[in-house]
Amino acid sequence: MPELPDLRAAFLVVGPGVRAGKSLGLIDMRDVAPTLAALVGLSLPGAEGHNVLLP
């Protein structure tokens, strides 16, 4: 719920294929798991989030 400031948190990713200094702005935390899965070559078809946050 990024619209609620009290529920905001930081999301940092470092590693191969992750561009340094890229800002994602406000994100839906449900998209974190599909993003991390995509970075390691997996998919999570049953995940609640569906957007991969990094190219």
PDB file of N, CA and C in Angstrom:
ATOM      1  N   MET A   1       0.830  -1.172   0.000  1.00  0.00           N
ATOM      2  CA  MET A   1       0.000   0.000   0.000  1.00  0.00           C
ATOM      3  C   MET A   1       0.885   1.250   0.000  1.00  0.00           C
ATOM      4  N   PRO A   2       1.509   1.548  -1.122  1.00  0.00           N
ATOM      5  CA  PRO A   2       2.425   2.682  -1.157  1.00  0.00           C
ATOM      6  C   PRO A   2       1.763   4.022  -0.874  1.00  0.00           C
ATOM      7  N   GLU A   3       0.438   4.073  -0.941  1.00  0.00           N
ATOM      8  CA  GLU A   3      -0.244   5.338  -0.655  1.00  0.00           C
ATOM      9  C   GLU A   3      -0.267   5.650   0.850  1.00  0.00           C
ATOM     10  N   LEU A   4       0.097   4.674   1.690  1.00  0.00           N
ATOM     11  CA  LEU A   4       0.157   4.886   3.136  1.00  0.00           C
ATOM     12  C   LEU A   4       1.617   5.047   3.562  1.00  0.00           C
ATOM     13  N   PRO A   5       2.048   6.264   3.839  1.00  0.00           N
ATOM     14  CA  PRO A   5       3.463   6.510   4.166  1.00  0.00           C
ATOM     15  C   PRO A   5       3.999   5.645   5.303  1.00  0.00           C
ATOM     16  N   ASP A   6       3.184   5.307   6.285  1.00  0.00           N
ATOM     17  CA  ASP A   6       3.660   4.499   7.406  1.00  0.00           C
ATOM     18  C   ASP A   6       3.996   3.067   7.011  1.00  0.00           C
ATOM     19  N   LEU A   7       3.545   2.615   5.854  1.00  0.00           N
ATOM     20  CA  LEU A   7       3.800   1.239   5.418  1.00  0.00           C
ATOM     21  C   LEU A   7       4.892   1.149   4.352  1.00  0.00           C
ATOM     22  N   ARG A   8       5.541   2.249   4.048  1.00  0.00           N
ATOM     23  CA  ARG A   8       6.594   2.238   3.030  1.00  0.00           C
ATOM     24  C   ARG A   8       7.867   1.624   3.593  1.00  0.00           C
ATOM     25  N   ALA A   9       8.637   0.977   2.718  1.00  0.00           N
ATOM     26  CA  ALA A   9       9.908   0.363   3.096  1.00  0.00           C
ATOM     27  C   ALA A   9      10.885   0.515   1.936  1.00  0.00           C
ATOM     28  N   ALA A  10      12.142   0.296   2.206  1.00  0.00           N
ATOM     29  CA  ALA A  10      13.165   0.363   1.157  1.00  0.00           C
ATOM     30  C   ALA A  10      13.270  -0.990   0.455  1.00  0.00           C
ATOM     31  N   PHE A  11      13.577  -0.947  -0.841  1.00  0.00           N
ATOM     32  CA  PHE A  11      13.831  -2.164  -1.620  1.00  0.00           C
ATOM     33  C   PHE A  11      15.118  -1.934  -2.388  1.00  0.00           C
ATOM     34  N   LEU A  12      16.168  -2.665  -2.054  1.00  0.00           N
ATOM     35  CA  LEU A  12      17.474  -2.524  -2.690  1.00  0.00           C
ATOM     36  C   LEU A  12      17.873  -3.861  -3.298  1.00  0.00           C
ATOM     37  N   VAL A  13      18.404  -3.813  -4.513  1.00  0.00           N
ATOM     38  CA  VAL A  13      18.889  -5.015  -5.176  1.00  0.00           C
ATOM     39  C   VAL A  13      20.252  -4.692  -5.767  1.00  0.00           C
ATOM     40  N   VAL A  14      21.224  -5.567  -5.535  1.00  0.00           N
ATOM     41  CA  VAL A  14      22.569  -5.400  -6.070  1.00  0.00           C
ATOM     42  C   VAL A  14      22.979  -6.729  -6.678  1.00  0.00           C
ATOM     43  N   GLY A  15      23.592  -6.668  -7.857  1.00  0.00           N
ATOM     44  CA  GLY A  15      24.097  -7.893  -8.452  1.00  0.00           C
ATOM     45  C   GLY A  15      24.182  -7.800  -9.951  1.00  0.00           C
ATOM     46  N   PRO A  16      24.635  -8.878 -10.585  1.00  0.00           N
ATOM     47  CA  PRO A  16      24.746  -8.895 -12.042  1.00  0.00           C
ATOM     48  C   PRO A  16      23.386  -8.650 -12.694  1.00  0.00           C
ATOM     49  N   GLY A  17      23.365  -7.798 -13.685  1.00  0.00           N
ATOM     50  CA  GLY A  17      22.137  -7.514 -14.408  1.00  0.00           C
ATOM     51  C   GLY A  17      21.279  -6.444 -13.770  1.00  0.00           C
ATOM     52  N   VAL A  18      21.736  -5.886 -12.652  1.00  0.00           N
ATOM     53  CA  VAL A  18      20.988  -4.830 -11.973  1.00  0.00           C
ATOM     54  C   VAL A  18      21.736  -3.520 -12.182  1.00  0.00           C
ATOM     55  N   ARG A  19      21.094  -2.572 -12.838  1.00  0.00           N
ATOM     56  CA  ARG A  19      21.727  -1.295 -13.153  1.00  0.00           C
ATOM     57  C   ARG A  19      21.872  -0.450 -11.881  1.00  0.00           C
ATOM     58  N   ALA A  20      23.070   0.051 -11.646  1.00  0.00           N
ATOM     59  CA  ALA A  20      23.342   0.890 -10.473  1.00  0.00           C
ATOM     60  C   ALA A  20      22.601   2.213 -10.576  1.00  0.00           C
ATOM     61  N   GLY A  21      22.071   2.666  -9.463  1.00  0.00           N
ATOM     62  CA  GLY A  21      21.454   3.986  -9.390  1.00  0.00           C
ATOM     63  C   GLY A  21      20.053   4.099  -9.948  1.00  0.00           C
ATOM     64  N   LYS A  22      19.447   3.002 -10.366  1.00  0.00           N
ATOM     65  CA  LYS A  22      18.096   3.066 -10.921  1.00  0.00           C
ATOM     66  C   LYS A  22      17.095   3.228  -9.788  1.00  0.00           C
ATOM     67  N   SER A  23      16.207   4.199  -9.913  1.00  0.00           N
ATOM     68  CA  SER A  23      15.160   4.417  -8.926  1.00  0.00           C
ATOM     69  C   SER A  23      13.852   3.831  -9.453  1.00  0.00           C
ATOM     70  N   LEU A  24      13.211   3.023  -8.658  1.00  0.00           N
ATOM     71  CA  LEU A  24      11.937   2.424  -9.044  1.00  0.00           C
ATOM     72  C   LEU A  24      10.755   3.258  -8.580  1.00  0.00           C
ATOM     73  N   GLY A  25      11.018   4.277  -7.764  1.00  0.00           N
ATOM     74  CA  GLY A  25       9.926   5.063  -7.214  1.00  0.00           C
ATOM     75  C   GLY A  25       9.106   4.199  -6.275  1.00  0.00           C
ATOM     76  N   LEU A  26       7.843   4.495  -6.151  1.00  0.00           N
ATOM     77  CA  LEU A  26       6.966   3.688  -5.296  1.00  0.00           C
ATOM     78  C   LEU A  26       6.596   2.404  -6.034  1.00  0.00           C
ATOM     79  N   ILE A  27       6.740   1.282  -5.364  1.00  0.00           N
ATOM     80  CA  ILE A  27       6.432  -0.005  -5.984  1.00  0.00           C
ATOM     81  C   ILE A  27       5.422  -0.752  -5.124  1.00  0.00           C
ATOM     82  N   ASP A  28       4.795  -1.732  -5.710  1.00  0.00           N
ATOM     83  CA  ASP A  28       3.904  -2.643  -4.992  1.00  0.00           C
ATOM     84  C   ASP A  28       4.777  -3.800  -4.492  1.00  0.00           C
ATOM     85  N   MET A  29       4.842  -3.987  -3.194  1.00  0.00           N
ATOM     86  CA  MET A  29       5.721  -5.009  -2.621  1.00  0.00           C
ATOM     87  C   MET A  29       5.370  -6.422  -3.082  1.00  0.00           C
ATOM     88  N   ARG A  30       4.167  -6.624  -3.601  1.00  0.00           N
ATOM     89  CA  ARG A  30       3.806  -7.948  -4.135  1.00  0.00           C
ATOM     90  C   ARG A  30       4.599  -8.277  -5.383  1.00  0.00           C
ATOM     91  N   ASP A  31       5.233  -7.257  -5.998  1.00  0.00           N
ATOM     92  CA  ASP A  31       6.023  -7.487  -7.195  1.00  0.00           C
ATOM     93  C   ASP A  31       7.474  -7.849  -6.891  1.00  0.00           C
ATOM     94  N   VAL A  32       7.873  -7.837  -5.626  1.00  0.00           N
ATOM     95  CA  VAL A  32       9.253  -8.162  -5.263  1.00  0.00           C
ATOM     96  C   VAL A  32       9.563  -9.625  -5.568  1.00  0.00           C
ATOM     97  N   ALA A  33       8.715 -10.554  -5.166  1.00  0.00           N
ATOM     98  CA  ALA A  33       8.981 -11.983  -5.393  1.00  0.00           C
ATOM     99  C   ALA A  33       9.090 -12.315  -6.881  1.00  0.00           C
ATOM    100  N   PRO A  34       8.160 -11.875  -7.742  1.00  0.00           N
ATOM    101  CA  PRO A  34       8.330 -12.160  -9.169  1.00  0.00           C
ATOM    102  C   PRO A  34       9.598 -11.522  -9.759  1.00  0.00           C
ATOM    103  N   THR A  35       9.986 -10.371  -9.234  1.00  0.00           N
ATOM    104  CA  THR A  35      11.205  -9.710  -9.713  1.00  0.00           C
ATOM    105  C   THR A  35      12.437 -10.526  -9.349  1.00  0.00           C
ATOM    106  N   LEU A  36      12.530 -10.946  -8.098  1.00  0.00           N
ATOM    107  CA  LEU A  36      13.684 -11.749  -7.676  1.00  0.00           C
ATOM    108  C   LEU A  36      13.711 -13.094  -8.398  1.00  0.00           C
ATOM    109  N   ALA A  37      12.559 -13.688  -8.600  1.00  0.00           N
ATOM    110  CA  ALA A  37      12.501 -14.955  -9.338  1.00  0.00           C
ATOM    111  C   ALA A  37      13.003 -14.766 -10.767  1.00  0.00           C
ATOM    112  N   ALA A  38      12.596 -13.685 -11.424  1.00  0.00           N
ATOM    113  CA  ALA A  38      13.036 -13.428 -12.796  1.00  0.00           C
ATOM    114  C   ALA A  38      14.546 -13.222 -12.859  1.00  0.00           C
ATOM    115  N   LEU A  39      15.122 -12.579 -11.854  1.00  0.00           N
ATOM    116  CA  LEU A  39      16.565 -12.339 -11.840  1.00  0.00           C
ATOM    117  C   LEU A  39      17.358 -13.641 -11.769  1.00  0.00           C
ATOM    118  N   VAL A  40      16.793 -14.680 -11.183  1.00  0.00           N
ATOM    119  CA  VAL A  40      17.496 -15.964 -11.097  1.00  0.00           C
ATOM    120  C   VAL A  40      16.974 -16.977 -12.117  1.00  0.00           C
ATOM    121  N   GLY A  41      16.138 -16.504 -13.041  1.00  0.00           N
ATOM    122  CA  GLY A  41      15.681 -17.365 -14.132  1.00  0.00           C
ATOM    123  C   GLY A  41      14.487 -18.240 -13.816  1.00  0.00           C
ATOM    124  N   LEU A  42      13.714 -17.886 -12.819  1.00  0.00           N
ATOM    125  CA  LEU A  42      12.533 -18.662 -12.457  1.00  0.00           C
ATOM    126  C   LEU A  42      11.274 -17.842 -12.706  1.00  0.00           C
ATOM    127  N   SER A  43      10.125 -18.497 -12.651  1.00  0.00           N
ATOM    128  CA  SER A  43       8.851 -17.777 -12.726  1.00  0.00           C
ATOM    129  C   SER A  43       7.997 -18.193 -11.537  1.00  0.00           C
ATOM    130  N   LEU A  44       7.105 -17.329 -11.162  1.00  0.00           N
ATOM    131  CA  LEU A  44       6.187 -17.613 -10.057  1.00  0.00           C
ATOM    132  C   LEU A  44       4.763 -17.367 -10.542  1.00  0.00           C
ATOM    133  N   PRO A  45       4.208 -18.282 -11.315  1.00  0.00           N
ATOM    134  CA  PRO A  45       2.878 -18.048 -11.876  1.00  0.00           C
ATOM    135  C   PRO A  45       1.786 -17.905 -10.821  1.00  0.00           C
ATOM    136  N   GLY A  46       1.987 -18.443  -9.630  1.00  0.00           N
ATOM    137  CA  GLY A  46       0.979 -18.341  -8.585  1.00  0.00           C
ATOM    138  C   GLY A  46       1.163 -17.144  -7.666  1.00  0.00           C
ATOM    139  N   ALA A  47       2.175 -16.315  -7.931  1.00  0.00           N
ATOM    140  CA  ALA A  47       2.434 -15.163  -7.070  1.00  0.00           C
ATOM    141  C   ALA A  47       1.336 -14.122  -7.196  1.00  0.00           C
ATOM    142  N   GLU A  48       1.084 -13.421  -6.121  1.00  0.00           N
ATOM    143  CA  GLU A  48       0.065 -12.373  -6.145  1.00  0.00           C
ATOM    144  C   GLU A  48       0.508 -11.201  -7.013  1.00  0.00           C
ATOM    145  N   GLY A  49       1.798 -10.859  -6.969  1.00  0.00           N
ATOM    146  CA  GLY A  49       2.322  -9.802  -7.842  1.00  0.00           C
ATOM    147  C   GLY A  49       2.699 -10.382  -9.186  1.00  0.00           C
ATOM    148  N   HIS A  50       2.635  -9.568 -10.220  1.00  0.00           N
ATOM    149  CA  HIS A  50       2.933 -10.084 -11.565  1.00  0.00           C
ATOM    150  C   HIS A  50       3.907  -9.207 -12.338  1.00  0.00           C
ATOM    151  N   ASN A  51       4.255  -8.047 -11.807  1.00  0.00           N
ATOM    152  CA  ASN A  51       5.153  -7.144 -12.525  1.00  0.00           C
ATOM    153  C   ASN A  51       6.594  -7.419 -12.130  1.00  0.00           C
ATOM    154  N   VAL A  52       7.457  -7.531 -13.136  1.00  0.00           N
ATOM    155  CA  VAL A  52       8.897  -7.636 -12.890  1.00  0.00           C
ATOM    156  C   VAL A  52       9.425  -6.205 -12.916  1.00  0.00           C
ATOM    157  N   LEU A  53      10.043  -5.777 -11.834  1.00  0.00           N
ATOM    158  CA  LEU A  53      10.424  -4.380 -11.657  1.00  0.00           C
ATOM    159  C   LEU A  53      11.705  -3.987 -12.375  1.00  0.00           C
ATOM    160  N   LEU A  54      12.525  -4.958 -12.731  1.00  0.00           N
ATOM    161  CA  LEU A  54      13.801  -4.667 -13.397  1.00  0.00           C
ATOM    162  C   LEU A  54      13.815  -5.287 -14.778  1.00  0.00           C
ATOM    163  N   PRO A  55      14.497  -4.618 -15.721  1.00  0.00           N
ATOM    164  CA  PRO A  55      14.552  -5.179 -17.096  1.00  0.00           C
ATOM    165  C   PRO A  55      15.348  -6.468 -17.158  1.00  0.00           C
TER     166      PRO A  55
END
